[in-house]
């Protein structure tokens, strides 16, 4: 089974991460989920979801609403250093930070690894595993752009949350699905949210 670490930080655009989580579970991918405390607040502000506070309760909550198989979803806390993804020997096949704050972007760029969220991304980089950063900020400062360039040169994929309009979206969900489809494409996971260009 393919494994993906999904890190949700406190940037606006929680719906991107939640929809990606739903699609990963639907695709029978094993997901290691990390949600920062600011991300939990943003989820409450931007959606109708009321997340529980403890990681085991969050795991049960998402497993139920997205119909995950037993053991398919694992949720870890920011200080849970014994999680598999804290080490190169347990790194996931790919890691996605969605949405990604510019603060998290900076921490990953300099390898600070002050918590499990940053460490998981750092491990993905050092193990040469795919790392996708869905940055949600506008406009970008020189610092943001420099950090993105640095990470791109390290092999990370920088994918700002910029949905396209050529498919004539009719709802916010269509815009969200555009971005999630692009992420899934880069993860090489089959998706039916967005048709292949020209088909």
N, C-alpha and C. Protein backbone atom coordinates (compact mmCIF):
# COMPACT_ATOMS: atom_id res chain seq x y z
N UNK A 1 0.85 -1.19 0.00
CA UNK A 1 0.00 0.00 0.00
C UNK A 1 0.88 1.24 0.00
N UNK A 2 0.57 2.19 -0.88
CA UNK A 2 1.30 3.45 -0.91
C UNK A 2 1.04 4.23 0.37
N UNK A 3 2.07 4.90 0.87
CA UNK A 3 1.91 5.71 2.08
C UNK A 3 2.19 7.18 1.77
N UNK A 4 1.36 8.05 2.32
CA UNK A 4 1.53 9.49 2.13
C UNK A 4 1.41 10.16 3.48
N UNK A 5 2.38 11.03 3.79
CA UNK A 5 2.25 11.88 4.97
C UNK A 5 1.58 13.17 4.53
N UNK A 6 0.48 13.52 5.18
CA UNK A 6 -0.23 14.76 4.90
C UNK A 6 -0.11 15.67 6.12
N UNK A 7 0.50 16.83 5.89
CA UNK A 7 0.71 17.81 6.95
C UNK A 7 -0.19 19.01 6.67
N UNK A 8 -1.06 19.34 7.60
CA UNK A 8 -1.92 20.50 7.46
C UNK A 8 -1.47 21.57 8.44
N UNK A 9 -1.13 22.75 7.93
CA UNK A 9 -0.71 23.86 8.78
C UNK A 9 -1.80 24.93 8.79
N UNK A 10 -1.52 26.03 9.48
CA UNK A 10 -2.57 27.02 9.75
C UNK A 10 -2.83 28.04 8.67
N UNK A 11 -2.42 27.79 7.45
CA UNK A 11 -2.76 28.70 6.35
C UNK A 11 -4.24 28.57 6.02
N UNK A 12 -4.79 29.63 5.45
CA UNK A 12 -6.15 29.54 4.93
C UNK A 12 -6.16 28.51 3.80
N UNK A 13 -7.32 27.89 3.61
CA UNK A 13 -7.42 26.86 2.57
C UNK A 13 -7.44 25.46 3.15
N UNK A 14 -8.00 25.33 4.35
CA UNK A 14 -8.09 24.01 4.98
C UNK A 14 -8.83 23.01 4.10
N UNK A 15 -9.75 23.52 3.28
CA UNK A 15 -10.55 22.62 2.42
C UNK A 15 -9.67 21.85 1.45
N UNK A 16 -8.54 22.43 1.05
CA UNK A 16 -7.63 21.70 0.15
C UNK A 16 -7.10 20.45 0.85
N UNK A 17 -6.63 20.62 2.08
CA UNK A 17 -6.09 19.48 2.81
C UNK A 17 -7.14 18.44 3.14
N UNK A 18 -8.32 18.90 3.52
CA UNK A 18 -9.40 17.97 3.87
C UNK A 18 -9.86 17.17 2.66
N UNK A 19 -9.97 17.84 1.52
CA UNK A 19 -10.40 17.14 0.30
C UNK A 19 -9.32 16.16 -0.16
N UNK A 20 -8.06 16.56 0.00
CA UNK A 20 -6.97 15.65 -0.35
C UNK A 20 -7.00 14.42 0.56
N UNK A 21 -7.22 14.64 1.85
CA UNK A 21 -7.32 13.51 2.78
C UNK A 21 -8.43 12.56 2.36
N UNK A 22 -9.58 13.11 2.01
CA UNK A 22 -10.71 12.29 1.58
C UNK A 22 -10.35 11.45 0.36
N UNK A 23 -9.70 12.07 -0.62
CA UNK A 23 -9.35 11.37 -1.86
C UNK A 23 -8.26 10.32 -1.63
N UNK A 24 -7.31 10.60 -0.77
CA UNK A 24 -6.26 9.63 -0.47
C UNK A 24 -6.86 8.39 0.19
N UNK A 25 -7.78 8.60 1.12
CA UNK A 25 -8.42 7.47 1.77
C UNK A 25 -9.27 6.69 0.77
N UNK A 26 -9.96 7.41 -0.10
CA UNK A 26 -10.78 6.75 -1.12
C UNK A 26 -9.91 5.90 -2.05
N UNK A 27 -8.67 6.36 -2.30
CA UNK A 27 -7.74 5.64 -3.18
C UNK A 27 -7.02 4.51 -2.45
N UNK A 28 -7.39 4.25 -1.21
CA UNK A 28 -6.81 3.20 -0.38
C UNK A 28 -5.33 3.42 -0.12
N UNK A 29 -4.95 4.67 0.03
CA UNK A 29 -3.59 5.04 0.42
C UNK A 29 -3.52 5.06 1.94
N UNK A 30 -2.41 4.60 2.50
CA UNK A 30 -2.22 4.72 3.95
C UNK A 30 -1.74 6.13 4.22
N UNK A 31 -2.41 6.82 5.15
CA UNK A 31 -2.12 8.23 5.40
C UNK A 31 -1.63 8.44 6.83
N UNK A 32 -0.49 9.13 6.93
CA UNK A 32 -0.01 9.64 8.21
C UNK A 32 -0.40 11.12 8.25
N UNK A 33 -1.28 11.49 9.14
CA UNK A 33 -1.82 12.85 9.18
C UNK A 33 -1.27 13.62 10.37
N UNK A 34 -0.80 14.84 10.08
CA UNK A 34 -0.32 15.76 11.10
C UNK A 34 -1.07 17.07 10.93
N UNK A 35 -1.71 17.53 11.99
CA UNK A 35 -2.47 18.79 11.94
C UNK A 35 -1.95 19.71 13.03
N UNK A 36 -1.45 20.87 12.64
CA UNK A 36 -0.96 21.82 13.63
C UNK A 36 -2.14 22.40 14.40
N UNK A 37 -1.86 22.98 15.57
CA UNK A 37 -2.93 23.61 16.35
C UNK A 37 -3.57 24.78 15.59
N UNK A 38 -2.77 25.65 14.94
CA UNK A 38 -3.41 26.69 14.12
C UNK A 38 -4.29 26.10 13.02
N UNK A 39 -3.89 24.96 12.45
CA UNK A 39 -4.70 24.32 11.41
C UNK A 39 -6.05 23.89 11.97
N UNK A 40 -6.06 23.40 13.20
CA UNK A 40 -7.32 23.00 13.81
C UNK A 40 -8.25 24.20 13.96
N UNK A 41 -7.68 25.35 14.30
CA UNK A 41 -8.47 26.57 14.44
C UNK A 41 -9.03 27.00 13.08
N UNK A 42 -8.17 26.94 12.06
CA UNK A 42 -8.59 27.34 10.71
C UNK A 42 -9.70 26.41 10.20
N UNK A 43 -9.57 25.11 10.46
CA UNK A 43 -10.61 24.17 10.04
C UNK A 43 -11.95 24.56 10.65
N UNK A 44 -11.94 24.94 11.92
CA UNK A 44 -13.17 25.36 12.60
C UNK A 44 -13.72 26.65 12.00
N UNK A 45 -12.82 27.57 11.61
CA UNK A 45 -13.25 28.86 11.04
C UNK A 45 -13.79 28.71 9.62
N UNK A 46 -13.17 27.83 8.83
CA UNK A 46 -13.46 27.78 7.40
C UNK A 46 -14.40 26.66 6.99
N UNK A 47 -14.70 25.75 7.89
CA UNK A 47 -15.59 24.64 7.56
C UNK A 47 -16.61 24.44 8.69
N UNK A 48 -17.51 23.52 8.46
CA UNK A 48 -18.51 23.20 9.49
C UNK A 48 -18.03 22.13 10.45
N UNK A 49 -16.79 21.64 10.25
CA UNK A 49 -16.27 20.57 11.09
C UNK A 49 -15.83 21.10 12.46
N UNK A 50 -16.09 20.32 13.48
CA UNK A 50 -15.63 20.61 14.83
C UNK A 50 -14.72 19.46 15.25
N UNK A 51 -13.42 19.66 15.09
CA UNK A 51 -12.48 18.59 15.38
C UNK A 51 -12.31 18.39 16.88
N UNK A 52 -12.19 17.15 17.30
CA UNK A 52 -11.80 16.91 18.70
C UNK A 52 -10.35 17.34 18.88
N UNK A 53 -9.89 17.40 20.10
CA UNK A 53 -8.56 17.93 20.37
C UNK A 53 -7.46 16.87 20.39
N UNK A 54 -7.77 15.66 20.80
CA UNK A 54 -6.75 14.62 20.94
C UNK A 54 -6.53 13.88 19.62
N UNK A 55 -5.28 13.46 19.41
CA UNK A 55 -4.93 12.83 18.13
C UNK A 55 -5.71 11.53 17.89
N UNK A 56 -5.92 10.73 18.94
CA UNK A 56 -6.65 9.48 18.74
C UNK A 56 -8.11 9.75 18.39
N UNK A 57 -8.67 10.84 18.93
CA UNK A 57 -10.05 11.20 18.61
C UNK A 57 -10.15 11.77 17.19
N UNK A 58 -9.15 12.54 16.79
CA UNK A 58 -9.12 13.06 15.41
C UNK A 58 -9.03 11.91 14.42
N UNK A 59 -8.20 10.93 14.76
CA UNK A 59 -8.05 9.74 13.91
C UNK A 59 -9.39 9.02 13.75
N UNK A 60 -10.08 8.82 14.84
CA UNK A 60 -11.38 8.15 14.80
C UNK A 60 -12.40 8.99 14.03
N UNK A 61 -12.35 10.29 14.23
CA UNK A 61 -13.29 11.22 13.58
C UNK A 61 -13.16 11.14 12.06
N UNK A 62 -11.94 11.31 11.55
CA UNK A 62 -11.74 11.29 10.10
C UNK A 62 -11.92 9.89 9.52
N UNK A 63 -11.54 8.87 10.27
CA UNK A 63 -11.74 7.50 9.79
C UNK A 63 -13.21 7.22 9.58
N UNK A 64 -14.04 7.76 10.46
CA UNK A 64 -15.48 7.54 10.33
C UNK A 64 -16.08 8.32 9.18
N UNK A 65 -15.79 9.63 9.08
CA UNK A 65 -16.47 10.43 8.06
C UNK A 65 -15.95 10.14 6.64
N UNK A 66 -14.69 9.66 6.53
CA UNK A 66 -14.15 9.35 5.21
C UNK A 66 -14.09 7.84 4.94
N UNK A 67 -14.64 7.05 5.85
CA UNK A 67 -14.76 5.59 5.67
C UNK A 67 -13.41 4.93 5.44
N UNK A 68 -12.45 5.22 6.29
CA UNK A 68 -11.13 4.62 6.19
C UNK A 68 -11.15 3.18 6.67
N UNK A 69 -10.34 2.35 6.05
CA UNK A 69 -10.16 0.99 6.53
C UNK A 69 -9.43 1.03 7.87
N UNK A 70 -9.55 -0.03 8.63
CA UNK A 70 -8.86 -0.09 9.91
C UNK A 70 -7.36 0.03 9.70
N UNK A 71 -6.74 0.98 10.41
CA UNK A 71 -5.30 1.18 10.31
C UNK A 71 -4.84 1.99 9.11
N UNK A 72 -5.78 2.39 8.25
CA UNK A 72 -5.40 3.13 7.05
C UNK A 72 -4.97 4.56 7.37
N UNK A 73 -5.56 5.14 8.41
CA UNK A 73 -5.25 6.51 8.80
C UNK A 73 -4.61 6.52 10.18
N UNK A 74 -3.45 7.16 10.27
CA UNK A 74 -2.77 7.36 11.55
C UNK A 74 -2.58 8.85 11.76
N UNK A 75 -2.95 9.34 12.93
CA UNK A 75 -2.79 10.76 13.25
C UNK A 75 -1.75 10.88 14.36
N UNK A 76 -0.78 11.78 14.14
CA UNK A 76 0.30 11.97 15.11
C UNK A 76 0.33 13.41 15.59
N UNK A 77 0.77 13.60 16.83
CA UNK A 77 0.92 14.92 17.41
C UNK A 77 2.27 15.51 17.08
N UNK A 78 2.40 16.81 17.27
CA UNK A 78 3.61 17.54 16.88
C UNK A 78 4.84 17.13 17.69
N UNK A 79 4.65 16.52 18.86
CA UNK A 79 5.78 16.10 19.69
C UNK A 79 5.92 14.58 19.75
N UNK A 80 5.28 13.90 18.84
CA UNK A 80 5.28 12.43 18.86
C UNK A 80 6.50 11.90 18.10
N UNK A 81 7.66 11.98 18.73
CA UNK A 81 8.93 11.71 18.06
C UNK A 81 9.15 10.23 17.74
N UNK A 82 8.35 9.34 18.29
CA UNK A 82 8.49 7.92 17.98
C UNK A 82 7.62 7.51 16.79
N UNK A 83 6.98 8.46 16.14
CA UNK A 83 6.20 8.16 14.93
C UNK A 83 7.15 7.67 13.83
N UNK A 84 6.72 6.75 12.98
CA UNK A 84 7.59 6.23 11.91
C UNK A 84 8.20 7.33 11.04
N UNK A 85 7.42 8.37 10.78
CA UNK A 85 7.86 9.41 9.85
C UNK A 85 8.92 10.33 10.43
N UNK A 86 9.31 10.13 11.68
CA UNK A 86 10.39 10.92 12.28
C UNK A 86 11.76 10.39 11.88
N UNK A 87 11.78 9.24 11.20
CA UNK A 87 13.04 8.60 10.83
C UNK A 87 13.05 8.21 9.36
N UNK A 88 14.22 8.21 8.78
CA UNK A 88 14.36 7.79 7.38
C UNK A 88 13.95 6.34 7.18
N UNK A 89 14.03 5.52 8.23
CA UNK A 89 13.65 4.12 8.09
C UNK A 89 12.14 3.92 8.03
N UNK A 90 11.38 4.98 8.39
CA UNK A 90 9.92 4.86 8.37
C UNK A 90 9.26 5.90 7.51
N UNK A 91 10.05 6.58 6.67
CA UNK A 91 9.52 7.67 5.86
C UNK A 91 8.44 7.17 4.91
N UNK A 92 7.44 8.01 4.67
CA UNK A 92 6.36 7.67 3.74
C UNK A 92 6.87 7.74 2.29
N UNK A 93 6.10 7.18 1.39
CA UNK A 93 6.47 7.24 -0.03
C UNK A 93 6.48 8.67 -0.54
N UNK A 94 5.64 9.51 0.02
CA UNK A 94 5.58 10.92 -0.37
C UNK A 94 5.03 11.73 0.79
N UNK A 95 5.35 13.02 0.79
CA UNK A 95 4.87 13.92 1.84
C UNK A 95 4.28 15.17 1.19
N UNK A 96 3.12 15.59 1.69
CA UNK A 96 2.44 16.77 1.18
C UNK A 96 2.13 17.70 2.35
N UNK A 97 2.50 18.97 2.21
CA UNK A 97 2.11 19.98 3.19
C UNK A 97 1.01 20.81 2.54
N UNK A 98 -0.22 20.64 3.02
CA UNK A 98 -1.37 21.25 2.34
C UNK A 98 -2.47 21.59 3.34
N UNK A 99 -2.76 22.86 3.57
CA UNK A 99 -2.04 24.01 3.03
C UNK A 99 -0.75 24.25 3.82
N UNK A 100 0.17 24.99 3.19
CA UNK A 100 1.48 25.24 3.79
C UNK A 100 1.63 26.72 4.09
N UNK A 101 1.86 27.06 5.35
CA UNK A 101 2.12 28.45 5.71
C UNK A 101 3.53 28.82 5.27
N UNK A 102 3.78 30.11 5.15
CA UNK A 102 5.13 30.55 4.80
C UNK A 102 6.08 30.33 5.98
N UNK A 103 5.55 30.28 7.19
CA UNK A 103 6.38 29.95 8.35
C UNK A 103 6.88 28.52 8.28
N UNK A 104 5.99 27.59 7.93
CA UNK A 104 6.38 26.20 7.75
C UNK A 104 7.34 26.06 6.59
N UNK A 105 7.07 26.78 5.51
CA UNK A 105 7.96 26.80 4.35
C UNK A 105 9.37 27.18 4.78
N UNK A 106 9.48 28.23 5.58
CA UNK A 106 10.78 28.71 6.06
C UNK A 106 11.47 27.66 6.92
N UNK A 107 10.73 27.05 7.85
CA UNK A 107 11.31 26.05 8.73
C UNK A 107 11.84 24.85 7.95
N UNK A 108 11.10 24.43 6.94
CA UNK A 108 11.55 23.30 6.12
C UNK A 108 12.79 23.69 5.32
N UNK A 109 12.79 24.92 4.80
CA UNK A 109 13.91 25.38 3.97
C UNK A 109 15.23 25.40 4.73
N UNK A 110 15.16 25.70 6.03
CA UNK A 110 16.40 25.77 6.82
C UNK A 110 16.61 24.52 7.67
N UNK A 111 15.71 23.56 7.60
CA UNK A 111 15.88 22.30 8.32
C UNK A 111 15.81 22.44 9.82
N UNK A 112 14.91 23.28 10.31
CA UNK A 112 14.86 23.52 11.76
C UNK A 112 14.34 22.31 12.54
N UNK A 113 13.35 21.61 12.01
CA UNK A 113 12.81 20.38 12.61
C UNK A 113 12.52 20.52 14.10
N UNK A 114 11.81 21.57 14.47
CA UNK A 114 11.49 21.80 15.88
C UNK A 114 10.29 20.98 16.36
N UNK A 115 9.55 20.40 15.42
CA UNK A 115 8.42 19.55 15.77
C UNK A 115 8.29 18.47 14.71
N UNK A 116 7.35 17.54 14.92
CA UNK A 116 7.22 16.41 14.01
C UNK A 116 6.79 16.84 12.61
N UNK A 117 6.00 17.91 12.52
CA UNK A 117 5.57 18.38 11.20
C UNK A 117 6.78 18.77 10.35
N UNK A 118 7.67 19.56 10.94
CA UNK A 118 8.86 20.01 10.22
C UNK A 118 9.82 18.84 10.00
N UNK A 119 9.95 17.97 10.98
CA UNK A 119 10.85 16.82 10.87
C UNK A 119 10.42 15.88 9.76
N UNK A 120 9.11 15.63 9.64
CA UNK A 120 8.63 14.72 8.59
C UNK A 120 8.99 15.24 7.21
N UNK A 121 8.86 16.55 7.00
CA UNK A 121 9.24 17.14 5.71
C UNK A 121 10.74 17.07 5.51
N UNK A 122 11.50 17.31 6.58
CA UNK A 122 12.95 17.23 6.51
C UNK A 122 13.41 15.83 6.14
N UNK A 123 12.78 14.82 6.73
CA UNK A 123 13.11 13.43 6.43
C UNK A 123 12.81 13.11 4.96
N UNK A 124 11.68 13.61 4.46
CA UNK A 124 11.34 13.38 3.04
C UNK A 124 12.43 13.95 2.15
N UNK A 125 12.92 15.13 2.47
CA UNK A 125 13.99 15.74 1.67
C UNK A 125 15.27 14.92 1.73
N UNK A 126 15.69 14.56 2.93
CA UNK A 126 16.98 13.87 3.06
C UNK A 126 16.95 12.47 2.46
N UNK A 127 15.76 11.86 2.44
CA UNK A 127 15.61 10.52 1.87
C UNK A 127 15.26 10.57 0.38
N UNK A 128 15.22 11.79 -0.17
CA UNK A 128 14.93 11.98 -1.60
C UNK A 128 13.56 11.41 -2.00
N UNK A 129 12.59 11.61 -1.10
CA UNK A 129 11.22 11.23 -1.38
C UNK A 129 10.45 12.46 -1.86
N UNK A 130 9.40 12.26 -2.65
CA UNK A 130 8.62 13.41 -3.13
C UNK A 130 8.09 14.25 -1.98
N UNK A 131 8.28 15.56 -2.09
CA UNK A 131 7.76 16.51 -1.11
C UNK A 131 7.03 17.61 -1.88
N UNK A 132 5.74 17.77 -1.61
CA UNK A 132 4.92 18.77 -2.28
C UNK A 132 4.46 19.79 -1.25
N UNK A 133 4.69 21.06 -1.54
CA UNK A 133 4.31 22.14 -0.64
C UNK A 133 3.24 23.00 -1.30
N UNK A 134 2.04 22.94 -0.78
CA UNK A 134 0.92 23.72 -1.33
C UNK A 134 0.85 25.03 -0.54
N UNK A 135 1.65 25.98 -0.99
CA UNK A 135 1.79 27.25 -0.27
C UNK A 135 0.55 28.10 -0.50
N UNK A 136 0.03 28.68 0.60
CA UNK A 136 -1.18 29.52 0.50
C UNK A 136 -0.86 30.87 1.14
N UNK A 137 -0.47 31.79 0.30
CA UNK A 137 -0.15 33.15 0.74
C UNK A 137 -0.18 34.06 -0.49
N UNK A 138 -0.49 35.32 -0.28
CA UNK A 138 -0.41 36.29 -1.37
C UNK A 138 -0.41 37.70 -0.81
N UNK A 139 0.45 38.57 -1.31
CA UNK A 139 1.52 38.30 -2.27
C UNK A 139 2.70 37.62 -1.57
N UNK A 140 3.67 37.17 -2.36
CA UNK A 140 4.89 36.58 -1.81
C UNK A 140 5.95 37.65 -1.61
N UNK A 141 6.64 37.59 -0.49
CA UNK A 141 7.78 38.48 -0.26
C UNK A 141 9.03 37.85 -0.86
N UNK A 142 10.12 38.61 -0.91
CA UNK A 142 11.39 38.07 -1.38
C UNK A 142 11.81 36.86 -0.55
N UNK A 143 11.53 36.92 0.76
CA UNK A 143 11.89 35.80 1.64
C UNK A 143 11.14 34.54 1.24
N UNK A 144 9.83 34.67 1.00
CA UNK A 144 9.02 33.52 0.60
C UNK A 144 9.54 32.94 -0.71
N UNK A 145 9.80 33.81 -1.67
CA UNK A 145 10.27 33.36 -2.98
C UNK A 145 11.63 32.69 -2.88
N UNK A 146 12.52 33.24 -2.05
CA UNK A 146 13.84 32.63 -1.87
C UNK A 146 13.73 31.26 -1.23
N UNK A 147 12.86 31.12 -0.24
CA UNK A 147 12.66 29.82 0.40
C UNK A 147 12.08 28.81 -0.58
N UNK A 148 11.15 29.23 -1.41
CA UNK A 148 10.59 28.33 -2.41
C UNK A 148 11.63 27.91 -3.42
N UNK A 149 12.47 28.86 -3.85
CA UNK A 149 13.54 28.54 -4.80
C UNK A 149 14.53 27.55 -4.18
N UNK A 150 14.90 27.79 -2.93
CA UNK A 150 15.83 26.88 -2.25
C UNK A 150 15.27 25.47 -2.18
N UNK A 151 14.00 25.36 -1.80
CA UNK A 151 13.38 24.03 -1.68
C UNK A 151 13.19 23.37 -3.04
N UNK A 152 12.86 24.16 -4.05
CA UNK A 152 12.75 23.60 -5.39
C UNK A 152 14.07 23.01 -5.85
N UNK A 153 15.15 23.70 -5.55
CA UNK A 153 16.47 23.21 -5.92
C UNK A 153 16.85 21.95 -5.14
N UNK A 154 16.23 21.76 -3.98
CA UNK A 154 16.45 20.54 -3.18
C UNK A 154 15.59 19.38 -3.68
N UNK A 155 14.68 19.65 -4.59
CA UNK A 155 13.85 18.59 -5.13
C UNK A 155 12.38 18.65 -4.74
N UNK A 156 12.02 19.60 -3.89
CA UNK A 156 10.61 19.73 -3.51
C UNK A 156 9.80 20.33 -4.67
N UNK A 157 8.53 19.99 -4.70
CA UNK A 157 7.61 20.57 -5.69
C UNK A 157 6.84 21.69 -5.00
N UNK A 158 6.96 22.90 -5.52
CA UNK A 158 6.25 24.04 -4.98
C UNK A 158 4.97 24.21 -5.79
N UNK A 159 3.83 24.05 -5.12
CA UNK A 159 2.55 24.06 -5.82
C UNK A 159 1.60 25.03 -5.11
N UNK A 160 1.76 26.34 -5.34
CA UNK A 160 0.85 27.30 -4.70
C UNK A 160 -0.60 26.97 -5.01
N UNK A 161 -1.48 27.29 -4.09
CA UNK A 161 -2.90 26.99 -4.25
C UNK A 161 -3.52 27.95 -5.27
N UNK A 162 -3.24 27.70 -6.55
CA UNK A 162 -3.72 28.55 -7.64
C UNK A 162 -4.55 27.72 -8.62
N UNK A 163 -5.83 27.52 -8.34
CA UNK A 163 -6.65 26.70 -9.25
C UNK A 163 -6.83 27.36 -10.61
N UNK A 164 -6.96 26.53 -11.63
CA UNK A 164 -7.19 27.03 -12.98
C UNK A 164 -8.68 27.21 -13.25
N UNK A 165 -8.96 27.99 -14.27
CA UNK A 165 -10.36 28.30 -14.60
C UNK A 165 -10.77 27.81 -16.00
N UNK A 166 -9.84 27.13 -16.69
CA UNK A 166 -10.16 26.71 -18.05
C UNK A 166 -11.22 25.61 -18.10
N UNK A 167 -11.48 24.96 -16.97
CA UNK A 167 -12.54 23.95 -16.91
C UNK A 167 -13.89 24.54 -16.59
N UNK A 168 -13.97 25.87 -16.53
CA UNK A 168 -15.20 26.59 -16.22
C UNK A 168 -15.84 26.08 -14.92
N UNK A 169 -15.12 26.26 -13.80
CA UNK A 169 -15.66 25.80 -12.51
C UNK A 169 -16.97 26.49 -12.17
N UNK A 170 -17.87 25.73 -11.57
CA UNK A 170 -19.19 26.25 -11.21
C UNK A 170 -19.36 26.41 -9.70
N UNK A 171 -18.35 25.99 -8.93
CA UNK A 171 -18.48 26.07 -7.47
C UNK A 171 -17.09 26.13 -6.84
N UNK A 172 -17.07 26.46 -5.57
CA UNK A 172 -15.81 26.42 -4.82
C UNK A 172 -15.26 25.01 -4.81
N UNK A 173 -16.13 24.02 -4.73
CA UNK A 173 -15.69 22.63 -4.74
C UNK A 173 -14.92 22.30 -6.01
N UNK A 174 -15.36 22.84 -7.14
CA UNK A 174 -14.66 22.61 -8.40
C UNK A 174 -13.25 23.18 -8.35
N UNK A 175 -13.11 24.36 -7.75
CA UNK A 175 -11.79 24.98 -7.63
C UNK A 175 -10.88 24.17 -6.71
N UNK A 176 -11.44 23.68 -5.61
CA UNK A 176 -10.68 22.85 -4.68
C UNK A 176 -10.25 21.56 -5.37
N UNK A 177 -11.18 20.94 -6.10
CA UNK A 177 -10.87 19.68 -6.78
C UNK A 177 -9.78 19.86 -7.83
N UNK A 178 -9.71 21.02 -8.46
CA UNK A 178 -8.65 21.27 -9.44
C UNK A 178 -7.29 21.11 -8.76
N UNK A 179 -7.11 21.76 -7.61
CA UNK A 179 -5.82 21.69 -6.92
C UNK A 179 -5.54 20.27 -6.41
N UNK A 180 -6.55 19.64 -5.84
CA UNK A 180 -6.36 18.29 -5.31
C UNK A 180 -6.00 17.33 -6.43
N UNK A 181 -6.62 17.49 -7.58
CA UNK A 181 -6.30 16.64 -8.74
C UNK A 181 -4.84 16.80 -9.14
N UNK A 182 -4.35 18.03 -9.15
CA UNK A 182 -2.95 18.28 -9.53
C UNK A 182 -2.00 17.64 -8.52
N UNK A 183 -2.37 17.70 -7.23
CA UNK A 183 -1.54 17.06 -6.21
C UNK A 183 -1.52 15.54 -6.43
N UNK A 184 -2.69 14.96 -6.63
CA UNK A 184 -2.78 13.51 -6.85
C UNK A 184 -1.99 13.10 -8.09
N UNK A 185 -2.04 13.91 -9.14
CA UNK A 185 -1.26 13.61 -10.34
C UNK A 185 0.23 13.52 -10.01
N UNK A 186 0.71 14.46 -9.21
CA UNK A 186 2.13 14.46 -8.84
C UNK A 186 2.48 13.30 -7.91
N UNK A 187 1.50 12.82 -7.18
CA UNK A 187 1.70 11.65 -6.33
C UNK A 187 1.56 10.35 -7.12
N UNK A 188 1.19 10.48 -8.38
CA UNK A 188 0.94 9.33 -9.27
C UNK A 188 -0.16 8.43 -8.70
N UNK A 189 -1.20 9.09 -8.23
CA UNK A 189 -2.40 8.40 -7.75
C UNK A 189 -3.54 8.73 -8.71
N UNK A 190 -4.19 7.72 -9.23
CA UNK A 190 -5.26 7.95 -10.20
C UNK A 190 -6.38 8.76 -9.59
N UNK A 191 -6.86 9.72 -10.38
CA UNK A 191 -7.95 10.58 -9.90
C UNK A 191 -8.93 10.83 -11.03
N UNK A 192 -10.16 11.13 -10.65
CA UNK A 192 -11.21 11.44 -11.63
C UNK A 192 -11.81 12.81 -11.36
N UNK A 193 -11.06 13.65 -10.67
CA UNK A 193 -11.55 14.99 -10.34
C UNK A 193 -11.36 15.97 -11.49
N UNK A 194 -10.34 15.73 -12.31
CA UNK A 194 -9.98 16.65 -13.36
C UNK A 194 -9.53 15.85 -14.57
N UNK A 195 -10.16 16.08 -15.73
CA UNK A 195 -9.77 15.33 -16.92
C UNK A 195 -8.37 15.72 -17.40
N UNK A 196 -7.71 14.77 -18.04
CA UNK A 196 -6.41 15.05 -18.64
C UNK A 196 -6.57 16.08 -19.73
N UNK A 197 -5.65 17.02 -19.81
CA UNK A 197 -5.71 18.09 -20.81
C UNK A 197 -5.83 17.49 -22.21
N UNK A 198 -6.79 17.96 -22.98
CA UNK A 198 -6.97 17.51 -24.35
C UNK A 198 -7.90 16.33 -24.51
N UNK A 199 -8.34 15.75 -23.38
CA UNK A 199 -9.24 14.60 -23.48
C UNK A 199 -10.67 15.01 -23.12
